[in-house]
Amino acid sequence: MLKPGDKVAVLDEDLEGRVLSISGAEVDIETSEGFLLSFNVRDLVKVEDVLPDILPPEVENFSEVIKEKESSKKRRSSRVKPKERNQPPMEVDLHIGKLVPKTGGLSNYEILNIQMDTARRQLEFAISKRIQKIVFIHGVGEGVLRAELETLFHRYDNIKFYDADYQKYGLGATEVYIFQNY
């Protein structure tokens, strides 16, 4: 309950003052600016002149609290290193001897289908795992597999492809770069 002399604040307004008198539900206050105003008792809240003691009695000063808080913080590096641009690319060797244990009895059509299924699966895997570079080693041959791979790559909007590093792979490899901002 409020009594004369109590310091109060007005709810929903930026006003504070001292209680002068109470008459039923009406409370007369003098604001800190010197104005005399009347409010309903429900519109006022009593405030303390001093802040309550929020620290336990055993803590003498704030510096001890600050030291304790800082010592409990884990130190982390605030700088995040950018992703390496020259990370080794994922390599997929599409030579049929690397894909199936026995090639005897397979037609050229079946071999090409096995190679294309592998390429499609590996490309989807790289996209799902957010791998940026993948090199498909297809060999030189007659260029049928290379042409089919290019047809496959053209179906994707988020990739570009080009000949892989000649010194490392020769003419028989295509490197695919996958854009990750989709």
N, C-alpha and C. Protein backbone atom coordinates (compact mmCIF):
# COMPACT_ATOMS: atom_id res chain seq x y z
N MET A 1 0.83 -1.19 0.00
CA MET A 1 0.00 0.00 0.00
C MET A 1 0.88 1.25 0.00
N LEU A 2 0.35 2.27 -0.58
CA LEU A 2 1.07 3.54 -0.64
C LEU A 2 0.74 4.39 0.57
N LYS A 3 1.70 5.23 0.92
CA LYS A 3 1.49 6.18 2.02
C LYS A 3 2.16 7.50 1.65
N PRO A 4 1.74 8.59 2.24
CA PRO A 4 2.36 9.88 1.91
C PRO A 4 3.88 9.83 2.12
N GLY A 5 4.61 10.41 1.15
CA GLY A 5 6.06 10.42 1.21
C GLY A 5 6.71 9.34 0.35
N ASP A 6 5.93 8.33 -0.07
CA ASP A 6 6.48 7.27 -0.91
C ASP A 6 6.82 7.82 -2.29
N LYS A 7 7.89 7.30 -2.85
CA LYS A 7 8.26 7.65 -4.22
C LYS A 7 7.53 6.69 -5.15
N VAL A 8 6.86 7.23 -6.19
CA VAL A 8 6.07 6.40 -7.10
C VAL A 8 6.39 6.75 -8.54
N ALA A 9 6.08 5.81 -9.41
CA ALA A 9 6.18 6.03 -10.86
C ALA A 9 4.81 5.76 -11.45
N VAL A 10 4.48 6.49 -12.50
CA VAL A 10 3.19 6.34 -13.16
C VAL A 10 3.34 5.30 -14.27
N LEU A 11 2.46 4.30 -14.26
CA LEU A 11 2.47 3.27 -15.31
C LEU A 11 2.08 3.90 -16.64
N ASP A 12 2.65 3.45 -17.72
CA ASP A 12 2.37 3.90 -19.09
C ASP A 12 2.73 5.37 -19.34
N GLU A 13 3.43 6.00 -18.42
CA GLU A 13 3.91 7.37 -18.65
C GLU A 13 5.30 7.49 -18.04
N ASP A 14 6.02 8.48 -18.49
CA ASP A 14 7.37 8.70 -17.97
C ASP A 14 7.33 9.77 -16.89
N LEU A 15 6.67 9.42 -15.77
CA LEU A 15 6.52 10.36 -14.66
C LEU A 15 6.87 9.69 -13.35
N GLU A 16 7.55 10.41 -12.49
CA GLU A 16 7.83 9.97 -11.13
C GLU A 16 7.49 11.11 -10.19
N GLY A 17 7.22 10.76 -8.93
CA GLY A 17 6.94 11.80 -7.95
C GLY A 17 6.77 11.23 -6.55
N ARG A 18 6.40 12.12 -5.62
CA ARG A 18 6.17 11.73 -4.22
C ARG A 18 4.67 11.83 -3.91
N VAL A 19 4.19 10.84 -3.14
CA VAL A 19 2.79 10.83 -2.73
C VAL A 19 2.57 11.96 -1.72
N LEU A 20 1.57 12.82 -2.01
CA LEU A 20 1.21 13.89 -1.08
C LEU A 20 0.05 13.45 -0.19
N SER A 21 -1.01 12.90 -0.83
CA SER A 21 -2.17 12.47 -0.05
C SER A 21 -2.88 11.36 -0.80
N ILE A 22 -3.67 10.59 -0.01
CA ILE A 22 -4.43 9.49 -0.58
C ILE A 22 -5.87 9.67 -0.13
N SER A 23 -6.81 9.65 -1.09
CA SER A 23 -8.22 9.82 -0.79
C SER A 23 -8.97 8.70 -1.52
N GLY A 24 -9.20 7.58 -0.86
CA GLY A 24 -9.85 6.42 -1.48
C GLY A 24 -8.93 5.83 -2.52
N ALA A 25 -9.39 5.85 -3.79
CA ALA A 25 -8.58 5.32 -4.89
C ALA A 25 -7.77 6.41 -5.57
N GLU A 26 -7.99 7.67 -5.20
CA GLU A 26 -7.26 8.79 -5.79
C GLU A 26 -6.02 9.12 -4.97
N VAL A 27 -4.90 9.27 -5.71
CA VAL A 27 -3.63 9.58 -5.06
C VAL A 27 -3.11 10.87 -5.69
N ASP A 28 -2.81 11.86 -4.83
CA ASP A 28 -2.23 13.11 -5.30
C ASP A 28 -0.72 13.01 -5.15
N ILE A 29 -0.01 13.32 -6.25
CA ILE A 29 1.45 13.28 -6.21
C ILE A 29 2.01 14.61 -6.67
N GLU A 30 3.24 14.85 -6.24
CA GLU A 30 4.00 15.98 -6.76
C GLU A 30 5.12 15.39 -7.59
N THR A 31 5.16 15.72 -8.90
CA THR A 31 6.17 15.16 -9.79
C THR A 31 7.54 15.75 -9.46
N SER A 32 8.56 15.13 -9.99
CA SER A 32 9.92 15.61 -9.76
C SER A 32 10.13 16.99 -10.39
N GLU A 33 9.24 17.37 -11.33
CA GLU A 33 9.32 18.70 -11.93
C GLU A 33 8.53 19.73 -11.14
N GLY A 34 7.79 19.28 -10.09
CA GLY A 34 7.06 20.21 -9.24
C GLY A 34 5.58 20.34 -9.56
N PHE A 35 5.03 19.54 -10.47
CA PHE A 35 3.60 19.60 -10.81
C PHE A 35 2.79 18.76 -9.83
N LEU A 36 1.58 19.19 -9.52
CA LEU A 36 0.65 18.45 -8.67
C LEU A 36 -0.35 17.73 -9.57
N LEU A 37 -0.42 16.41 -9.47
CA LEU A 37 -1.29 15.61 -10.32
C LEU A 37 -2.02 14.57 -9.48
N SER A 38 -3.18 14.11 -9.99
CA SER A 38 -3.95 13.06 -9.32
C SER A 38 -4.03 11.84 -10.23
N PHE A 39 -3.87 10.65 -9.64
CA PHE A 39 -3.93 9.40 -10.38
C PHE A 39 -4.71 8.37 -9.59
N ASN A 40 -5.24 7.39 -10.29
CA ASN A 40 -5.86 6.26 -9.64
C ASN A 40 -4.73 5.41 -9.05
N VAL A 41 -4.96 4.80 -7.90
CA VAL A 41 -3.94 4.02 -7.23
C VAL A 41 -3.44 2.87 -8.12
N ARG A 42 -4.32 2.37 -9.04
CA ARG A 42 -3.91 1.26 -9.94
C ARG A 42 -2.90 1.73 -10.99
N ASP A 43 -2.81 3.04 -11.22
CA ASP A 43 -1.90 3.57 -12.23
C ASP A 43 -0.51 3.90 -11.68
N LEU A 44 -0.30 3.62 -10.39
CA LEU A 44 0.97 3.97 -9.76
C LEU A 44 1.67 2.73 -9.24
N VAL A 45 2.99 2.81 -9.22
CA VAL A 45 3.79 1.74 -8.65
C VAL A 45 4.85 2.38 -7.76
N LYS A 46 5.04 1.77 -6.60
CA LYS A 46 6.02 2.31 -5.65
C LYS A 46 7.42 1.96 -6.14
N VAL A 47 8.33 2.94 -6.09
CA VAL A 47 9.72 2.69 -6.47
C VAL A 47 10.61 2.99 -5.27
N GLU A 48 11.72 2.31 -5.21
CA GLU A 48 12.67 2.50 -4.11
C GLU A 48 13.57 3.69 -4.40
N ASP A 49 13.97 4.40 -3.37
CA ASP A 49 14.90 5.51 -3.53
C ASP A 49 16.29 5.04 -3.90
N VAL A 50 16.67 3.88 -3.38
CA VAL A 50 17.99 3.32 -3.68
C VAL A 50 17.79 1.96 -4.32
N LEU A 51 18.75 1.55 -5.11
CA LEU A 51 18.68 0.23 -5.71
C LEU A 51 18.82 -0.84 -4.65
N PRO A 52 18.06 -1.89 -4.76
CA PRO A 52 18.23 -2.96 -3.78
C PRO A 52 19.60 -3.60 -3.94
N ASP A 53 20.08 -4.18 -2.86
CA ASP A 53 21.38 -4.82 -2.88
C ASP A 53 21.24 -6.15 -3.60
N ILE A 54 21.77 -6.22 -4.83
CA ILE A 54 21.61 -7.44 -5.62
C ILE A 54 22.80 -8.38 -5.48
N LEU A 55 23.87 -7.90 -4.90
CA LEU A 55 25.03 -8.75 -4.73
C LEU A 55 24.98 -9.43 -3.38
N PRO A 56 25.44 -10.66 -3.32
CA PRO A 56 25.48 -11.31 -2.01
C PRO A 56 26.45 -10.57 -1.10
N PRO A 57 26.24 -10.64 0.22
CA PRO A 57 27.07 -9.88 1.15
C PRO A 57 28.55 -10.23 1.10
N GLU A 58 28.89 -11.44 0.65
CA GLU A 58 30.31 -11.81 0.64
C GLU A 58 31.09 -11.14 -0.49
N VAL A 59 30.40 -10.57 -1.50
CA VAL A 59 31.09 -9.89 -2.59
C VAL A 59 31.21 -8.41 -2.21
N GLU A 60 32.43 -7.95 -2.10
CA GLU A 60 32.68 -6.58 -1.66
C GLU A 60 32.59 -5.57 -2.80
N ASN A 61 33.08 -5.95 -3.99
CA ASN A 61 33.07 -4.97 -5.08
C ASN A 61 32.79 -5.66 -6.42
N PHE A 62 32.52 -4.84 -7.41
CA PHE A 62 32.17 -5.36 -8.72
C PHE A 62 33.34 -5.99 -9.45
N SER A 63 34.55 -5.57 -9.15
CA SER A 63 35.71 -6.10 -9.89
C SER A 63 35.84 -7.60 -9.69
N GLU A 64 35.48 -8.10 -8.52
CA GLU A 64 35.54 -9.56 -8.30
C GLU A 64 34.55 -10.28 -9.20
N VAL A 65 33.35 -9.71 -9.34
CA VAL A 65 32.33 -10.31 -10.18
C VAL A 65 32.78 -10.30 -11.64
N ILE A 66 33.34 -9.18 -12.07
CA ILE A 66 33.79 -9.06 -13.45
C ILE A 66 34.91 -10.05 -13.74
N LYS A 67 35.86 -10.20 -12.82
CA LYS A 67 36.95 -11.17 -13.02
C LYS A 67 36.40 -12.58 -13.13
N GLU A 68 35.42 -12.90 -12.30
CA GLU A 68 34.85 -14.24 -12.33
C GLU A 68 34.15 -14.50 -13.66
N LYS A 69 33.41 -13.52 -14.16
CA LYS A 69 32.73 -13.68 -15.45
C LYS A 69 33.71 -13.83 -16.60
N GLU A 70 34.77 -13.03 -16.61
CA GLU A 70 35.74 -13.09 -17.70
C GLU A 70 36.53 -14.38 -17.68
N SER A 71 36.82 -14.92 -16.50
CA SER A 71 37.59 -16.15 -16.43
C SER A 71 36.77 -17.35 -16.88
N SER A 72 35.43 -17.27 -16.75
CA SER A 72 34.60 -18.39 -17.14
C SER A 72 34.30 -18.41 -18.64
N LYS A 73 34.56 -17.29 -19.32
CA LYS A 73 34.32 -17.24 -20.76
C LYS A 73 35.37 -18.07 -21.48
N LYS A 74 34.92 -18.79 -22.50
CA LYS A 74 35.87 -19.54 -23.33
C LYS A 74 36.41 -18.59 -24.39
N ARG A 75 37.68 -18.60 -24.55
CA ARG A 75 38.31 -17.75 -25.56
C ARG A 75 38.21 -18.45 -26.91
N ARG A 76 37.59 -17.76 -27.85
CA ARG A 76 37.48 -18.30 -29.20
C ARG A 76 38.08 -17.32 -30.17
N SER A 77 38.58 -17.86 -31.25
CA SER A 77 39.09 -17.00 -32.30
C SER A 77 37.90 -16.34 -32.99
N SER A 78 37.94 -15.05 -33.10
CA SER A 78 36.82 -14.35 -33.72
C SER A 78 36.94 -14.34 -35.24
N ARG A 79 38.10 -14.68 -35.75
CA ARG A 79 38.29 -14.66 -37.19
C ARG A 79 38.04 -16.06 -37.75
N VAL A 80 37.17 -16.14 -38.70
CA VAL A 80 36.89 -17.40 -39.37
C VAL A 80 37.65 -17.39 -40.69
N LYS A 81 38.47 -18.40 -40.88
CA LYS A 81 39.27 -18.45 -42.09
C LYS A 81 38.39 -18.79 -43.29
N PRO A 82 38.60 -18.14 -44.43
CA PRO A 82 37.79 -18.45 -45.62
C PRO A 82 38.13 -19.84 -46.14
N LYS A 83 37.18 -20.42 -46.81
CA LYS A 83 37.37 -21.76 -47.35
C LYS A 83 38.52 -21.77 -48.35
N GLU A 84 39.32 -22.78 -48.25
CA GLU A 84 40.48 -22.88 -49.15
C GLU A 84 40.01 -22.96 -50.60
N ARG A 85 40.54 -22.11 -51.45
CA ARG A 85 40.17 -22.14 -52.87
C ARG A 85 40.89 -23.26 -53.61
N ASN A 86 42.05 -23.65 -53.13
CA ASN A 86 42.84 -24.66 -53.85
C ASN A 86 42.77 -26.03 -53.20
N GLN A 87 41.62 -26.33 -52.58
CA GLN A 87 41.50 -27.65 -51.98
C GLN A 87 41.48 -28.70 -53.08
N PRO A 88 41.98 -29.89 -52.80
CA PRO A 88 42.02 -30.91 -53.86
C PRO A 88 40.60 -31.29 -54.27
N PRO A 89 40.35 -31.37 -55.58
CA PRO A 89 39.00 -31.70 -56.02
C PRO A 89 38.69 -33.17 -55.82
N MET A 90 37.42 -33.48 -55.76
CA MET A 90 36.96 -34.87 -55.71
C MET A 90 37.21 -35.47 -57.09
N GLU A 91 37.74 -36.67 -57.15
CA GLU A 91 38.04 -37.31 -58.43
C GLU A 91 37.16 -38.53 -58.63
N VAL A 92 36.60 -38.64 -59.83
CA VAL A 92 35.79 -39.80 -60.20
C VAL A 92 36.37 -40.38 -61.48
N ASP A 93 36.92 -41.58 -61.36
CA ASP A 93 37.49 -42.26 -62.53
C ASP A 93 36.39 -43.08 -63.19
N LEU A 94 36.04 -42.73 -64.43
CA LEU A 94 34.95 -43.39 -65.13
C LEU A 94 35.41 -44.51 -66.06
N HIS A 95 36.68 -44.89 -66.01
CA HIS A 95 37.12 -46.04 -66.80
C HIS A 95 36.35 -47.27 -66.31
N ILE A 96 35.82 -48.03 -67.24
CA ILE A 96 34.92 -49.13 -66.89
C ILE A 96 35.60 -50.17 -66.00
N GLY A 97 36.90 -50.34 -66.17
CA GLY A 97 37.64 -51.29 -65.34
C GLY A 97 37.66 -50.90 -63.86
N LYS A 98 37.47 -49.61 -63.58
CA LYS A 98 37.43 -49.13 -62.18
C LYS A 98 36.03 -49.23 -61.59
N LEU A 99 35.01 -49.39 -62.46
CA LEU A 99 33.62 -49.36 -61.99
C LEU A 99 33.02 -50.74 -61.75
N VAL A 100 33.40 -51.71 -62.56
CA VAL A 100 32.85 -53.06 -62.40
C VAL A 100 34.00 -54.06 -62.37
N PRO A 101 33.83 -55.17 -61.65
CA PRO A 101 34.92 -56.14 -61.56
C PRO A 101 35.21 -56.86 -62.88
N LYS A 102 34.17 -57.20 -63.67
CA LYS A 102 34.36 -57.90 -64.93
C LYS A 102 33.63 -57.16 -66.03
N THR A 103 34.34 -56.91 -67.14
CA THR A 103 33.73 -56.18 -68.24
C THR A 103 33.34 -57.08 -69.39
N GLY A 104 33.70 -58.34 -69.32
CA GLY A 104 33.39 -59.28 -70.41
C GLY A 104 31.89 -59.43 -70.61
N GLY A 105 31.44 -59.40 -71.84
CA GLY A 105 30.04 -59.59 -72.15
C GLY A 105 29.21 -58.32 -72.11
N LEU A 106 29.81 -57.17 -71.75
CA LEU A 106 29.07 -55.91 -71.72
C LEU A 106 29.16 -55.23 -73.08
N SER A 107 28.03 -54.75 -73.56
CA SER A 107 28.04 -54.01 -74.83
C SER A 107 28.49 -52.57 -74.56
N ASN A 108 28.85 -51.88 -75.64
CA ASN A 108 29.26 -50.48 -75.50
C ASN A 108 28.14 -49.64 -74.86
N TYR A 109 26.90 -49.95 -75.22
CA TYR A 109 25.75 -49.23 -74.67
C TYR A 109 25.66 -49.45 -73.16
N GLU A 110 25.83 -50.69 -72.70
CA GLU A 110 25.77 -50.99 -71.27
C GLU A 110 26.92 -50.32 -70.52
N ILE A 111 28.10 -50.33 -71.13
CA ILE A 111 29.26 -49.68 -70.50
C ILE A 111 29.00 -48.18 -70.33
N LEU A 112 28.49 -47.56 -71.40
CA LEU A 112 28.21 -46.12 -71.35
C LEU A 112 27.16 -45.81 -70.29
N ASN A 113 26.13 -46.65 -70.17
CA ASN A 113 25.09 -46.43 -69.16
C ASN A 113 25.66 -46.55 -67.74
N ILE A 114 26.53 -47.51 -67.51
CA ILE A 114 27.16 -47.66 -66.19
C ILE A 114 27.99 -46.42 -65.87
N GLN A 115 28.76 -45.95 -66.85
CA GLN A 115 29.60 -44.77 -66.64
C GLN A 115 28.75 -43.53 -66.38
N MET A 116 27.67 -43.33 -67.13
CA MET A 116 26.82 -42.15 -66.96
C MET A 116 26.05 -42.20 -65.64
N ASP A 117 25.59 -43.39 -65.24
CA ASP A 117 24.91 -43.51 -63.94
C ASP A 117 25.86 -43.15 -62.81
N THR A 118 27.11 -43.62 -62.92
CA THR A 118 28.12 -43.30 -61.90
C THR A 118 28.38 -41.80 -61.87
N ALA A 119 28.54 -41.20 -63.05
CA ALA A 119 28.81 -39.76 -63.11
C ALA A 119 27.65 -38.97 -62.50
N ARG A 120 26.41 -39.34 -62.84
CA ARG A 120 25.24 -38.64 -62.32
C ARG A 120 25.17 -38.78 -60.79
N ARG A 121 25.36 -40.00 -60.29
CA ARG A 121 25.33 -40.23 -58.83
C ARG A 121 26.41 -39.42 -58.12
N GLN A 122 27.61 -39.41 -58.65
CA GLN A 122 28.72 -38.69 -58.01
C GLN A 122 28.50 -37.18 -58.06
N LEU A 123 27.94 -36.68 -59.15
CA LEU A 123 27.65 -35.25 -59.26
C LEU A 123 26.58 -34.85 -58.25
N GLU A 124 25.52 -35.64 -58.13
CA GLU A 124 24.47 -35.36 -57.15
C GLU A 124 25.03 -35.43 -55.73
N PHE A 125 25.91 -36.39 -55.48
CA PHE A 125 26.54 -36.49 -54.16
C PHE A 125 27.34 -35.23 -53.85
N ALA A 126 28.14 -34.79 -54.82
CA ALA A 126 28.97 -33.59 -54.62
C ALA A 126 28.10 -32.36 -54.37
N ILE A 127 27.00 -32.24 -55.08
CA ILE A 127 26.10 -31.10 -54.87
C ILE A 127 25.48 -31.17 -53.48
N SER A 128 25.02 -32.36 -53.07
CA SER A 128 24.38 -32.49 -51.76
C SER A 128 25.36 -32.27 -50.61
N LYS A 129 26.62 -32.63 -50.80
CA LYS A 129 27.63 -32.45 -49.74
C LYS A 129 28.38 -31.13 -49.86
N ARG A 130 27.93 -30.29 -50.79
CA ARG A 130 28.50 -28.95 -51.00
C ARG A 130 30.00 -29.01 -51.32
N ILE A 131 30.39 -30.00 -52.11
CA ILE A 131 31.76 -30.10 -52.61
C ILE A 131 31.85 -29.21 -53.85
N GLN A 132 32.85 -28.32 -53.88
CA GLN A 132 32.87 -27.33 -54.95
C GLN A 132 33.47 -27.83 -56.26
N LYS A 133 34.48 -28.70 -56.18
CA LYS A 133 35.14 -29.14 -57.41
C LYS A 133 35.12 -30.66 -57.49
N ILE A 134 34.86 -31.14 -58.70
CA ILE A 134 34.89 -32.57 -58.96
C ILE A 134 35.51 -32.78 -60.34
N VAL A 135 36.42 -33.75 -60.44
CA VAL A 135 37.08 -34.05 -61.71
C VAL A 135 36.61 -35.42 -62.17
N PHE A 136 36.06 -35.45 -63.38
CA PHE A 136 35.64 -36.70 -63.99
C PHE A 136 36.73 -37.14 -64.96
N ILE A 137 37.35 -38.28 -64.69
CA ILE A 137 38.39 -38.82 -65.57
C ILE A 137 37.70 -39.78 -66.53
N HIS A 138 37.63 -39.38 -67.80
CA HIS A 138 36.89 -40.16 -68.78
C HIS A 138 37.77 -40.78 -69.84
N GLY A 139 39.02 -40.36 -69.92
CA GLY A 139 39.90 -40.89 -70.94
C GLY A 139 39.68 -40.16 -72.27
N VAL A 140 40.56 -40.47 -73.24
CA VAL A 140 40.49 -39.78 -74.52
C VAL A 140 39.55 -40.53 -75.47
N GLY A 141 39.87 -41.73 -75.83
CA GLY A 141 39.03 -42.57 -76.67
C GLY A 141 38.46 -41.85 -77.88
N GLU A 142 37.21 -42.20 -78.22
CA GLU A 142 36.54 -41.59 -79.38
C GLU A 142 35.75 -40.35 -78.98
N GLY A 143 35.65 -40.03 -77.70
CA GLY A 143 34.97 -38.83 -77.25
C GLY A 143 33.49 -38.99 -76.97
N VAL A 144 32.97 -40.23 -77.02
CA VAL A 144 31.54 -40.46 -76.80
C VAL A 144 31.18 -40.16 -75.34
N LEU A 145 31.97 -40.68 -74.39
CA LEU A 145 31.69 -40.46 -72.97
C LEU A 145 31.83 -38.97 -72.63
N ARG A 146 32.83 -38.32 -73.19
CA ARG A 146 33.01 -36.89 -72.94
C ARG A 146 31.80 -36.09 -73.43
N ALA A 147 31.29 -36.42 -74.61
CA ALA A 147 30.12 -35.73 -75.16
C ALA A 147 28.89 -35.98 -74.28
N GLU A 148 28.71 -37.20 -73.81
CA GLU A 148 27.57 -37.52 -72.93
C GLU A 148 27.68 -36.77 -71.60
N LEU A 149 28.90 -36.67 -71.06
CA LEU A 149 29.10 -35.92 -69.82
C LEU A 149 28.74 -34.45 -70.00
N GLU A 150 29.15 -33.87 -71.13
CA GLU A 150 28.82 -32.47 -71.39
C GLU A 150 27.32 -32.27 -71.49
N THR A 151 26.61 -33.22 -72.09
CA THR A 151 25.15 -33.16 -72.16
C THR A 151 24.56 -33.19 -70.74
N LEU A 152 25.10 -34.06 -69.90
CA LEU A 152 24.65 -34.15 -68.51
C LEU A 152 24.90 -32.83 -67.77
N PHE A 153 26.08 -32.27 -67.92
CA PHE A 153 26.44 -31.05 -67.20
C PHE A 153 25.57 -29.85 -67.63
N HIS A 154 25.17 -29.83 -68.90
CA HIS A 154 24.34 -28.73 -69.39
C HIS A 154 22.95 -28.72 -68.74
N ARG A 155 22.55 -29.82 -68.13
CA ARG A 155 21.24 -29.90 -67.48
C ARG A 155 21.21 -29.16 -66.14
N TYR A 156 22.37 -28.82 -65.61
CA TYR A 156 22.47 -28.16 -64.31
C TYR A 156 22.77 -26.68 -64.49
N ASP A 157 22.03 -25.85 -63.75
CA ASP A 157 22.25 -24.40 -63.83
C ASP A 157 23.38 -23.94 -62.93
N ASN A 158 23.68 -24.70 -61.90
CA ASN A 158 24.61 -24.24 -60.86
C ASN A 158 26.03 -24.78 -61.05
N ILE A 159 26.37 -25.24 -62.25
CA ILE A 159 27.74 -25.73 -62.46
C ILE A 159 28.32 -25.16 -63.74
N LYS A 160 29.65 -25.12 -63.75
CA LYS A 160 30.37 -24.85 -64.99
C LYS A 160 31.43 -25.93 -65.11
N PHE A 161 31.82 -26.24 -66.33
CA PHE A 161 32.80 -27.31 -66.53
C PHE A 161 33.80 -26.89 -67.60
N TYR A 162 34.98 -27.48 -67.48
CA TYR A 162 36.07 -27.14 -68.38
C TYR A 162 37.09 -28.27 -68.31
N ASP A 163 38.08 -28.24 -69.24
CA ASP A 163 39.12 -29.27 -69.22
C ASP A 163 39.90 -29.19 -67.92
N ALA A 164 40.18 -30.36 -67.35
CA ALA A 164 40.94 -30.40 -66.10
C ALA A 164 42.40 -30.09 -66.37
N ASP A 165 43.17 -29.97 -65.32
CA ASP A 165 44.60 -29.63 -65.40
C ASP A 165 45.32 -30.62 -66.33
N TYR A 166 45.87 -30.08 -67.41
CA TYR A 166 46.53 -30.92 -68.41
C TYR A 166 47.74 -31.64 -67.85
N GLN A 167 48.53 -30.96 -67.02
CA GLN A 167 49.74 -31.57 -66.48
C GLN A 167 49.41 -32.77 -65.59
N LYS A 168 48.28 -32.72 -64.91
CA LYS A 168 47.93 -33.80 -64.00
C LYS A 168 47.12 -34.89 -64.69
N TYR A 169 46.17 -34.51 -65.57
CA TYR A 169 45.23 -35.48 -66.14
C TYR A 169 45.38 -35.70 -67.64
N GLY A 170 46.12 -34.87 -68.31
CA GLY A 170 46.19 -34.97 -69.75
C GLY A 170 44.91 -34.46 -70.38
N LEU A 171 44.55 -35.02 -71.54
CA LEU A 171 43.35 -34.56 -72.25
C LEU A 171 42.09 -35.30 -71.83
N GLY A 172 42.21 -36.32 -71.00
CA GLY A 172 41.07 -37.19 -70.70
C GLY A 172 40.34 -36.90 -69.41
N ALA A 173 40.19 -35.64 -69.03
CA ALA A 173 39.46 -35.33 -67.80
C ALA A 173 38.75 -33.99 -67.92
N THR A 174 37.61 -33.88 -67.24
CA THR A 174 36.83 -32.66 -67.21
C THR A 174 36.61 -32.26 -65.75
N GLU A 175 36.89 -31.00 -65.44
CA GLU A 175 36.68 -30.50 -64.08
C GLU A 175 35.35 -29.75 -64.05
N VAL A 176 34.59 -30.00 -62.98
CA VAL A 176 33.29 -29.36 -62.79
C VAL A 176 33.38 -28.49 -61.54
N TYR A 177 32.95 -27.24 -61.67
CA TYR A 177 32.89 -26.33 -60.53
C TYR A 177 31.42 -26.15 -60.19
N ILE A 178 31.07 -26.38 -58.91
CA ILE A 178 29.68 -26.30 -58.47
C ILE A 178 29.50 -25.02 -57.67
N PHE A 179 28.61 -24.15 -58.12
CA PHE A 179 28.30 -22.93 -57.39
C PHE A 179 27.42 -23.29 -56.19
N GLN A 180 27.82 -22.83 -55.01
CA GLN A 180 27.14 -23.24 -53.79
C GLN A 180 26.13 -22.21 -53.27
N ASN A 181 25.87 -21.16 -53.98
CA ASN A 181 24.98 -20.11 -53.47
C ASN A 181 23.57 -20.22 -54.04
N TYR A 182 22.99 -21.36 -53.90
CA TYR A 182 21.61 -21.56 -54.39
C TYR A 182 20.73 -21.95 -53.25
